[in-house]
Amino acid sequence: MSIGRNDSCPCGSGKKYKKCHGALDHVAVVTPEIARATALKAIDVQLNDRIMRFARMFYGPDWLSNVLRSEDLLDEEGPSDASVPIFTPWLQYFKVNAGGLTVAEEWCFQEGTRISPDERLLLNAYRSAWMSIWEVTEVQPGIGSRLRDVLTRQECFIHDIRSSFTLRKFDALLAIILTCNGVSFFGGAHAQPLPPRFTEVVTHEARRWCRVRTRPVSFKKLRDPDMQLALLSLWNDVADDMLHQPMPVMQNTDGDPFVVTTDDFALIARSEEIARTLASVPGVQEPERDGATRVFVVTKHGNSTHPSWDNTIIGRLVLSDTRLTVETNSTRRADALRSVLETQLQGLVRFRMRKEENTAHLMAEAQASVASGEPRVETPLPAEAEAELRKFRERHMRNWIDDSIPALGGHTPREAARLSRVRPKLEMLLKELDRGEAALPEGQRIDLRWLREALGLP
């Protein structure tokens, strides 16, 4: 029986098929490394289930809740869903019990010779592993990702198909990496990756705990169960802060609060006469036809935020046979444009009503869309429009390098690259720019590699 993309995945994960094993449908070639990593991960999942059943029998049915309570991880809902994929292996392979052994070691004594070669391979891999902050340096969709441990500076390639369709370059994961005979895969990973800005918070605190400023952190410290638990708790807190941060205060380039404002005018005269009058209003550009309507763009000379801009779009006029609609992105621009139009079009139109939508409303709609899990349907831009957009953004970035940036303490990127105390903030900002670029449709992306060269950064 065929499975629909939006049906529940038959593996029992609770996710839609397209978000789970449906990702495998995109893999053209399954390499021996992918096959081996997938097989070992399946054995790992089964092994974890067996160890958890053993723990409930050996330590009692209340064992898990007792551990959660003793580690201050028990609240009304237990550990967060996002932390379970890494908390479970930590509990089995790293937390030492009163007898001086981990749960996995206790299980090994019970099983003895019944442990298969691959299971023993996995148990040894966990003994050599550590929990750390891994940054994505490369993604190969359908194959896996290259990761770099920001604390130990170790690098590895993870053969994991599912995450290769969701991770982005410069995402960071709190993860335990297993390596078996040269093949690496996730032993456990927190389900919530962090972008560079929030990763820096965790990294700085972890280095402070390890009393290391710049040199690599030792594996021994990162294998310590208390350090791992502290890292997990900190990651949960930072991820929670990120997901519940207050709505951003958005402004247009004039510094006005961002409010999508629509003024509606009824026509008293014929639309042709109004179109001729609009064409004579200062700042109103030649109209473009959109079916039965005419669309006028209103601009003003220069830009108060970006000196390199020749002009600024301040509004959009949509003229039909019965209505004139004025669209702006702030109340101040709307008031100014309404005043001009009522003077220039006196006796030709009549103001009817105003509609305003602030950023809180727009952000709430966007969050509801993301929460629904449904893919966004976006109309692709024409090739000519994409080319013009790329040119505009490239010009902007060429000027950005010499602009005063608040996130850099008012320094320009060129100045920040020469200041050791500001350079880490610049590195973080460049990573955020790269992540943002990767999220755009391919036709709208610009190449930012020149930026590092111009700044003298590796």
Foldseek 3Di string as FASTA:
>chain_A
DDFDQQPQCPVPPRHGCVLPVVLLVPAPDQDPLLVVLVVLVVVLVVVLVVLVVVCCVVVHVCVVVVVCVVLVQDDPVGHDPLLVQPVSCLQAQQDADPVRHGSVVVVCVVCPPVQDPSNVLQNVQSVVKFWAKWFFAAADAQFFTWIAGPAQRDIDTAGDRSVSVPDDGQWIWGFIWGAGPRRIHTSGIRNDTDHLVLVVVLVVVLCVVQVHDPHHRDRVQRSHSVSSSVSSVSVVVSSVCVVPPDDDQDDDLVRAGFKKKKWKKWWPDFLVVVLVLQCPQPQWDDWDDDDQKTKIWGWDAATPRDRVDGIGTAWMWIDHRTMIMIIGTHPVSVVVVVVSCCVSCPPGIGTDDMDIDHVVNVVVVVVVVVVVVDDDDDDDDPLVVLVVLLVVVVVVVVVQQCAQDVQQVRHHVLVQLVDPVSVVSSVSVVSVVVRVLVPDPPSNHDDCPVVCVVSVHD
